[in-house]
Amino acid sequence: ADVFQSNEEDDRKVRRREKNRVAAQRSRKKQTQKADKLHEEYESLEQENTSLKREIGKLTDEMKHLSEVLKDHEKICPLLHCTMNFVTIPRPDALASCLPR
């Protein structure tokens, strides 16, 4: 009876060990998949970040350029001097005639 019992216990241990091994394997696989997914998301966000930084750079340059153009234009535009000195709200048609076509 003792031999039979110890064999049964050994079987149970083997089965439990196998079960644990399979569970650990499954757990590792799940962790790896999760890590892969996070890495992909990270890569994607990095790319998006890079392209947004590029776009911000371009827009900043454009804004600087347009500010310079506006400053130069204000120096020579008689309408702007006129409206700033005498009129609170410039008439749209008067302003339009000042803008380049």
C-alpha atoms as a PDB file:
ATOM      1  CA  ALA A   1       0.000   0.000   0.000  1.00  0.00           C
ATOM      2  CA  ASP A   2       2.860   2.361   0.832  1.00  0.00           C
ATOM      3  CA  VAL A   3       4.492   1.797  -2.554  1.00  0.00           C
ATOM      4  CA  PHE A   4       1.174   2.435  -4.278  1.00  0.00           C
ATOM      5  CA  GLN A   5       0.641   5.653  -2.292  1.00  0.00           C
ATOM      6  CA  SER A   6       4.134   7.007  -3.005  1.00  0.00           C
ATOM      7  CA  ASN A   7       3.682   6.236  -6.737  1.00  0.00           C
ATOM      8  CA  GLU A   8       0.422   8.152  -6.701  1.00  0.00           C
ATOM      9  CA  GLU A   9       2.103  11.082  -4.943  1.00  0.00           C
ATOM     10  CA  ASP A  10       4.943  11.010  -7.469  1.00  0.00           C
ATOM     11  CA  ASP A  11       2.392  11.050 -10.311  1.00  0.00           C
ATOM     12  CA  ARG A  12       0.619  13.977  -8.696  1.00  0.00           C
ATOM     13  CA  LYS A  13       3.920  15.856  -8.291  1.00  0.00           C
ATOM     14  CA  VAL A  14       4.836  15.183 -11.915  1.00  0.00           C
ATOM     15  CA  ARG A  15       1.424  16.334 -13.108  1.00  0.00           C
ATOM     16  CA  ARG A  16       1.542  19.438 -10.927  1.00  0.00           C
ATOM     17  CA  ARG A  17       5.076  20.232 -12.114  1.00  0.00           C
ATOM     18  CA  GLU A  18       3.964  19.826 -15.754  1.00  0.00           C
ATOM     19  CA  LYS A  19       0.917  21.999 -15.134  1.00  0.00           C
ATOM     20  CA  ASN A  20       3.114  24.688 -13.543  1.00  0.00           C
ATOM     21  CA  ARG A  21       5.582  24.471 -16.404  1.00  0.00           C
ATOM     22  CA  VAL A  22       2.810  24.951 -18.991  1.00  0.00           C
ATOM     23  CA  ALA A  23       1.301  27.829 -16.973  1.00  0.00           C
ATOM     24  CA  ALA A  24       4.705  29.518 -16.661  1.00  0.00           C
ATOM     25  CA  GLN A  25       5.287  29.084 -20.403  1.00  0.00           C
ATOM     26  CA  ARG A  26       1.877  30.606 -21.160  1.00  0.00           C
ATOM     27  CA  SER A  27       2.572  33.473 -18.758  1.00  0.00           C
ATOM     28  CA  ARG A  28       5.955  34.177 -20.381  1.00  0.00           C
ATOM     29  CA  LYS A  29       4.367  34.134 -23.833  1.00  0.00           C
ATOM     30  CA  LYS A  30       1.670  36.580 -22.693  1.00  0.00           C
ATOM     31  CA  GLN A  31       4.299  38.896 -21.136  1.00  0.00           C
ATOM     32  CA  THR A  32       6.375  38.774 -24.334  1.00  0.00           C
ATOM     33  CA  GLN A  33       3.326  39.622 -26.463  1.00  0.00           C
ATOM     34  CA  LYS A  34       2.458  42.497 -24.123  1.00  0.00           C
ATOM     35  CA  ALA A  35       6.036  43.796 -24.285  1.00  0.00           C
ATOM     36  CA  ASP A  36       6.039  43.518 -28.102  1.00  0.00           C
ATOM     37  CA  LYS A  37       2.763  45.423 -28.334  1.00  0.00           C
ATOM     38  CA  LEU A  38       4.031  48.163 -26.022  1.00  0.00           C
ATOM     39  CA  HIS A  39       7.232  48.412 -28.043  1.00  0.00           C
ATOM     40  CA  GLU A  40       5.244  48.783 -31.286  1.00  0.00           C
ATOM     41  CA  GLU A  41       3.079  51.503 -29.694  1.00  0.00           C
ATOM     42  CA  TYR A  42       6.228  53.252 -28.457  1.00  0.00           C
ATOM     43  CA  GLU A  43       7.821  53.140 -31.917  1.00  0.00           C
ATOM     44  CA  SER A  44       4.649  54.485 -33.496  1.00  0.00           C
ATOM     45  CA  LEU A  45       4.437  57.335 -30.965  1.00  0.00           C
ATOM     46  CA  GLU A  46       8.102  58.176 -31.517  1.00  0.00           C
ATOM     47  CA  GLN A  47       7.516  58.438 -35.283  1.00  0.00           C
ATOM     48  CA  GLU A  48       4.442  60.604 -34.741  1.00  0.00           C
ATOM     49  CA  ASN A  49       6.396  62.786 -32.317  1.00  0.00           C
ATOM     50  CA  THR A  50       9.224  63.234 -34.815  1.00  0.00           C
ATOM     51  CA  SER A  51       6.875  64.222 -37.627  1.00  0.00           C
ATOM     52  CA  LEU A  52       4.986  66.632 -35.330  1.00  0.00           C
ATOM     53  CA  LYS A  53       8.279  68.253 -34.290  1.00  0.00           C
ATOM     54  CA  ARG A  54       9.176  68.627 -37.979  1.00  0.00           C
ATOM     55  CA  GLU A  55       5.787  70.208 -38.667  1.00  0.00           C
ATOM     56  CA  ILE A  56       6.164  72.577 -35.691  1.00  0.00           C
ATOM     57  CA  GLY A  57       9.583  73.583 -37.021  1.00  0.00           C
ATOM     58  CA  LYS A  58       8.170  74.350 -40.461  1.00  0.00           C
ATOM     59  CA  LEU A  59       5.234  76.304 -39.012  1.00  0.00           C
ATOM     60  CA  THR A  60       7.556  78.258 -36.705  1.00  0.00           C
ATOM     61  CA  ASP A  61       9.758  79.203 -39.674  1.00  0.00           C
ATOM     62  CA  GLU A  62       6.678  80.212 -41.662  1.00  0.00           C
ATOM     63  CA  MET A  63       5.405  82.320 -38.762  1.00  0.00           C
ATOM     64  CA  LYS A  64       8.780  84.091 -38.445  1.00  0.00           C
ATOM     65  CA  HIS A  65       8.808  84.746 -42.177  1.00  0.00           C
ATOM     66  CA  LEU A  66       5.244  86.091 -42.198  1.00  0.00           C
ATOM     67  CA  SER A  67       5.958  88.288 -39.157  1.00  0.00           C
ATOM     68  CA  GLU A  68       8.935  89.792 -40.983  1.00  0.00           C
ATOM     69  CA  VAL A  69       6.851  90.347 -44.127  1.00  0.00           C
ATOM     70  CA  LEU A  70       4.113  92.004 -42.045  1.00  0.00           C
ATOM     71  CA  LYS A  71       6.645  94.207 -40.236  1.00  0.00           C
ATOM     72  CA  ASP A  72       8.173  95.296 -43.562  1.00  0.00           C
ATOM     73  CA  HIS A  73       4.702  95.912 -44.975  1.00  0.00           C
ATOM     74  CA  GLU A  74       3.597  97.974 -41.970  1.00  0.00           C
ATOM     75  CA  LYS A  75       6.603 100.271 -42.488  1.00  0.00           C
ATOM     76  CA  ILE A  76       5.507 101.182 -46.005  1.00  0.00           C
ATOM     77  CA  CYS A  77       1.709 100.772 -45.943  1.00  0.00           C
ATOM     78  CA  PRO A  78       0.007 104.205 -45.927  1.00  0.00           C
ATOM     79  CA  LEU A  79      -3.393 102.634 -45.245  1.00  0.00           C
ATOM     80  CA  LEU A  80      -2.223 101.068 -42.001  1.00  0.00           C
ATOM     81  CA  HIS A  81      -0.788 104.388 -40.794  1.00  0.00           C
ATOM     82  CA  CYS A  82      -3.994 106.081 -41.818  1.00  0.00           C
ATOM     83  CA  THR A  83      -6.294 103.609 -40.111  1.00  0.00           C
ATOM     84  CA  MET A  84      -4.149 103.467 -36.990  1.00  0.00           C
ATOM     85  CA  ASN A  85      -4.128 107.233 -36.676  1.00  0.00           C
ATOM     86  CA  PHE A  86      -7.708 108.155 -37.581  1.00  0.00           C
ATOM     87  CA  VAL A  87     -10.054 105.198 -37.887  1.00  0.00           C
ATOM     88  CA  THR A  88     -10.820 102.644 -35.184  1.00  0.00           C
ATOM     89  CA  ILE A  89     -12.204  99.992 -37.566  1.00  0.00           C
ATOM     90  CA  PRO A  90     -10.706  99.953 -41.084  1.00  0.00           C
ATOM     91  CA  ARG A  91     -13.225  99.500 -43.920  1.00  0.00           C
ATOM     92  CA  PRO A  92     -12.777  96.071 -45.544  1.00  0.00           C
ATOM     93  CA  ASP A  93     -12.775  97.520 -49.077  1.00  0.00           C
ATOM     94  CA  ALA A  94     -10.100 100.051 -48.152  1.00  0.00           C
ATOM     95  CA  LEU A  95      -8.001  97.322 -46.574  1.00  0.00           C
ATOM     96  CA  ALA A  96      -8.483  95.053 -49.592  1.00  0.00           C
ATOM     97  CA  SER A  97      -7.211  97.745 -51.963  1.00  0.00           C
ATOM     98  CA  CYS A  98      -3.979  97.822 -49.932  1.00  0.00           C
ATOM     99  CA  LEU A  99      -3.384  94.062 -50.099  1.00  0.00           C
ATOM    100  CA  PRO A 100      -1.527  92.629 -53.110  1.00  0.00           C
ATOM    101  CA  ARG A 101      -3.749  90.853 -55.634  1.00  0.00           C
END
